[in-house]
Amino acid sequence: MPRFLLRSFADERGNLRRFDISGDVTRAGRVNAKIATVVEDFYVIDSLTARYDIEKRENISRLEDGGAKILHRLCAANDLANVWPLSECDRGALCSFLASLVLRTPSFETTRKRSQSSG
């Protein structure tokens, strides 16, 4: 989850409510949005001889920056008529960003790995 989105849900001190539902009992707590990553090295594949980063961080950064600029502009607008409809370029950037959020989930990654191992 991009940090700029997490900060949108944080309280005045930058903290988020976190719920751990991995066990039999749900536990609640707080975590700062700056360190609220879910999975470290999510896109790194270890082989016998090397480590491969299958998703270049600079590509992710470019997608997130493009989406963030558009979302901030929409949220800051006093009147959406001044910023909507988006230009074709902005629509493409926003769609790419939103699609990247769907594709960067543990369930999608599990499905991808299953299809690779069965094919």
C-alpha atoms as a PDB file:
ATOM      1  CA  MET A   1       0.000   0.000   0.000  1.00  0.00           C
ATOM      2  CA  PRO A   2       1.505   3.330  -0.969  1.00  0.00           C
ATOM      3  CA  ARG A   3       2.540   5.414   2.022  1.00  0.00           C
ATOM      4  CA  PHE A   4       0.728   8.523   0.746  1.00  0.00           C
ATOM      5  CA  LEU A   5      -2.560   6.596   0.926  1.00  0.00           C
ATOM      6  CA  LEU A   6      -1.814   5.235   4.389  1.00  0.00           C
ATOM      7  CA  ARG A   7      -1.152   8.775   5.644  1.00  0.00           C
ATOM      8  CA  SER A   8      -4.666   9.734   4.495  1.00  0.00           C
ATOM      9  CA  PHE A   9      -6.090   7.368   7.111  1.00  0.00           C
ATOM     10  CA  ALA A  10      -3.672   8.272   9.910  1.00  0.00           C
ATOM     11  CA  ASP A  11      -4.529  10.302  12.983  1.00  0.00           C
ATOM     12  CA  GLU A  12      -2.875  13.640  13.831  1.00  0.00           C
ATOM     13  CA  ARG A  13       0.252  11.824  15.106  1.00  0.00           C
ATOM     14  CA  GLY A  14       0.575   9.766  11.917  1.00  0.00           C
ATOM     15  CA  ASN A  15      -0.682   6.525  13.491  1.00  0.00           C
ATOM     16  CA  LEU A  16      -3.019   3.970  11.989  1.00  0.00           C
ATOM     17  CA  ARG A  17      -5.244   1.408  13.716  1.00  0.00           C
ATOM     18  CA  ARG A  18      -4.012  -2.080  12.924  1.00  0.00           C
ATOM     19  CA  PHE A  19      -5.935  -5.309  13.375  1.00  0.00           C
ATOM     20  CA  ASP A  20      -4.204  -8.666  13.462  1.00  0.00           C
ATOM     21  CA  ILE A  21      -6.658 -11.324  12.316  1.00  0.00           C
ATOM     22  CA  SER A  22      -4.094 -14.067  11.728  1.00  0.00           C
ATOM     23  CA  GLY A  23      -4.913 -16.021  14.914  1.00  0.00           C
ATOM     24  CA  ASP A  24      -8.025 -17.167  16.698  1.00  0.00           C
ATOM     25  CA  VAL A  25      -8.358 -13.822  18.464  1.00  0.00           C
ATOM     26  CA  THR A  26      -8.424 -10.451  16.720  1.00  0.00           C
ATOM     27  CA  ARG A  27      -5.929  -8.044  18.261  1.00  0.00           C
ATOM     28  CA  ALA A  28      -6.004  -4.281  17.775  1.00  0.00           C
ATOM     29  CA  GLY A  29      -3.098  -1.888  17.988  1.00  0.00           C
ATOM     30  CA  ARG A  30      -1.521   1.207  16.470  1.00  0.00           C
ATOM     31  CA  VAL A  31       1.331   1.585  14.016  1.00  0.00           C
ATOM     32  CA  ASN A  32       2.909   4.661  12.451  1.00  0.00           C
ATOM     33  CA  ALA A  33       2.126   5.080   8.749  1.00  0.00           C
ATOM     34  CA  LYS A  34       5.861   5.479   8.025  1.00  0.00           C
ATOM     35  CA  ILE A  35       6.576   1.888   9.048  1.00  0.00           C
ATOM     36  CA  ALA A  36       3.280   0.209   8.207  1.00  0.00           C
ATOM     37  CA  THR A  37       4.626  -2.044   5.475  1.00  0.00           C
ATOM     38  CA  VAL A  38       2.977  -5.414   5.287  1.00  0.00           C
ATOM     39  CA  VAL A  39       5.540  -7.585   3.515  1.00  0.00           C
ATOM     40  CA  GLU A  40       9.199  -6.717   3.028  1.00  0.00           C
ATOM     41  CA  ASP A  41      10.815  -7.772  -0.266  1.00  0.00           C
ATOM     42  CA  PHE A  42       7.414  -8.830  -1.643  1.00  0.00           C
ATOM     43  CA  TYR A  43       8.744  -8.909  -5.203  1.00  0.00           C
ATOM     44  CA  VAL A  44      12.095 -10.570  -4.519  1.00  0.00           C
ATOM     45  CA  ILE A  45      12.624 -14.138  -5.671  1.00  0.00           C
ATOM     46  CA  ASP A  46      15.469 -16.160  -4.199  1.00  0.00           C
ATOM     47  CA  SER A  47      17.104 -18.770  -6.390  1.00  0.00           C
ATOM     48  CA  LEU A  48      19.994 -21.062  -5.575  1.00  0.00           C
ATOM     49  CA  THR A  49      22.523 -18.586  -6.952  1.00  0.00           C
ATOM     50  CA  ALA A  50      20.997 -15.097  -6.814  1.00  0.00           C
ATOM     51  CA  ARG A  51      18.199 -12.799  -5.719  1.00  0.00           C
ATOM     52  CA  TYR A  52      15.987 -11.198  -8.336  1.00  0.00           C
ATOM     53  CA  ASP A  53      13.798  -8.140  -7.827  1.00  0.00           C
ATOM     54  CA  ILE A  54      10.991  -8.899 -10.268  1.00  0.00           C
ATOM     55  CA  GLU A  55       9.320  -5.534  -9.793  1.00  0.00           C
ATOM     56  CA  LYS A  56      11.691  -2.622 -10.145  1.00  0.00           C
ATOM     57  CA  ARG A  57      11.113  -0.133  -7.359  1.00  0.00           C
ATOM     58  CA  GLU A  58      11.606   2.822  -9.667  1.00  0.00           C
ATOM     59  CA  ASN A  59       8.687   1.583 -11.815  1.00  0.00           C
ATOM     60  CA  ILE A  60       6.461   1.320  -8.735  1.00  0.00           C
ATOM     61  CA  SER A  61       7.590   4.759  -7.621  1.00  0.00           C
ATOM     62  CA  ARG A  62       6.721   6.251 -11.013  1.00  0.00           C
ATOM     63  CA  LEU A  63       3.220   4.713 -10.894  1.00  0.00           C
ATOM     64  CA  GLU A  64       2.623   5.893  -7.328  1.00  0.00           C
ATOM     65  CA  ASP A  65       3.890   9.409  -7.991  1.00  0.00           C
ATOM     66  CA  GLY A  66       1.616   9.771 -11.024  1.00  0.00           C
ATOM     67  CA  GLY A  67      -1.423   8.494  -9.136  1.00  0.00           C
ATOM     68  CA  ALA A  68      -0.649  10.597  -6.065  1.00  0.00           C
ATOM     69  CA  LYS A  69      -0.436  13.832  -8.040  1.00  0.00           C
ATOM     70  CA  ILE A  70      -3.805  13.236  -9.665  1.00  0.00           C
ATOM     71  CA  LEU A  71      -5.533  12.120  -6.456  1.00  0.00           C
ATOM     72  CA  HIS A  72      -4.145  15.112  -4.530  1.00  0.00           C
ATOM     73  CA  ARG A  73      -5.334  17.459  -7.265  1.00  0.00           C
ATOM     74  CA  LEU A  74      -8.837  15.923  -7.161  1.00  0.00           C
ATOM     75  CA  CYS A  75      -9.010  16.044  -3.358  1.00  0.00           C
ATOM     76  CA  ALA A  76      -7.765  19.641  -3.210  1.00  0.00           C
ATOM     77  CA  ALA A  77     -10.213  20.944  -5.806  1.00  0.00           C
ATOM     78  CA  ASN A  78     -12.960  23.195  -4.469  1.00  0.00           C
ATOM     79  CA  ASP A  79     -15.083  22.313  -7.463  1.00  0.00           C
ATOM     80  CA  LEU A  80     -14.566  19.052  -9.386  1.00  0.00           C
ATOM     81  CA  ALA A  81     -15.817  20.787 -12.517  1.00  0.00           C
ATOM     82  CA  ASN A  82     -12.442  22.569 -12.568  1.00  0.00           C
ATOM     83  CA  VAL A  83     -10.468  19.296 -12.748  1.00  0.00           C
ATOM     84  CA  TRP A  84     -12.941  16.813 -14.203  1.00  0.00           C
ATOM     85  CA  PRO A  85     -13.012  15.194 -16.672  1.00  0.00           C
ATOM     86  CA  LEU A  86      -9.359  14.230 -16.476  1.00  0.00           C
ATOM     87  CA  SER A  87      -7.183  14.510 -19.528  1.00  0.00           C
ATOM     88  CA  GLU A  88      -6.456  11.306 -21.420  1.00  0.00           C
ATOM     89  CA  CYS A  89      -2.920  11.285 -20.022  1.00  0.00           C
ATOM     90  CA  ASP A  90      -4.155  11.723 -16.432  1.00  0.00           C
ATOM     91  CA  ARG A  91      -6.825   9.030 -16.892  1.00  0.00           C
ATOM     92  CA  GLY A  92      -4.148   6.626 -18.107  1.00  0.00           C
ATOM     93  CA  ALA A  93      -1.865   7.419 -15.176  1.00  0.00           C
ATOM     94  CA  LEU A  94      -4.676   7.044 -12.635  1.00  0.00           C
ATOM     95  CA  CYS A  95      -5.874   3.770 -14.182  1.00  0.00           C
ATOM     96  CA  SER A  96      -2.329   2.384 -14.177  1.00  0.00           C
ATOM     97  CA  PHE A  97      -1.910   3.321 -10.533  1.00  0.00           C
ATOM     98  CA  LEU A  98      -5.224   1.745  -9.492  1.00  0.00           C
ATOM     99  CA  ALA A  99      -4.470  -1.421 -11.485  1.00  0.00           C
ATOM    100  CA  SER A 100      -1.083  -1.668  -9.771  1.00  0.00           C
ATOM    101  CA  LEU A 101      -2.843  -1.699  -6.385  1.00  0.00           C
ATOM    102  CA  VAL A 102      -4.893  -4.714  -7.453  1.00  0.00           C
ATOM    103  CA  LEU A 103      -1.885  -6.541  -8.868  1.00  0.00           C
ATOM    104  CA  ARG A 104       0.275  -5.934  -5.785  1.00  0.00           C
ATOM    105  CA  THR A 105      -1.646  -8.068  -3.321  1.00  0.00           C
ATOM    106  CA  PRO A 106      -0.675 -11.320  -1.623  1.00  0.00           C
ATOM    107  CA  SER A 107      -3.615 -13.173  -3.204  1.00  0.00           C
ATOM    108  CA  PHE A 108      -2.622 -12.077  -6.706  1.00  0.00           C
ATOM    109  CA  GLU A 109       0.993 -13.050  -6.011  1.00  0.00           C
ATOM    110  CA  THR A 110      -0.122 -16.485  -4.758  1.00  0.00           C
ATOM    111  CA  THR A 111      -2.164 -17.019  -7.923  1.00  0.00           C
ATOM    112  CA  ARG A 112       0.779 -15.914 -10.072  1.00  0.00           C
ATOM    113  CA  LYS A 113       3.128 -18.348  -8.335  1.00  0.00           C
ATOM    114  CA  ARG A 114       0.633 -21.212  -8.690  1.00  0.00           C
ATOM    115  CA  SER A 115       0.221 -20.574 -12.398  1.00  0.00           C
ATOM    116  CA  GLN A 116       4.002 -20.464 -12.875  1.00  0.00           C
ATOM    117  CA  SER A 117       4.561 -23.729 -11.054  1.00  0.00           C
ATOM    118  CA  SER A 118       1.760 -25.539 -12.921  1.00  0.00           C
ATOM    119  CA  GLY A 119       2.766 -24.286 -16.370  1.00  0.00           C
END
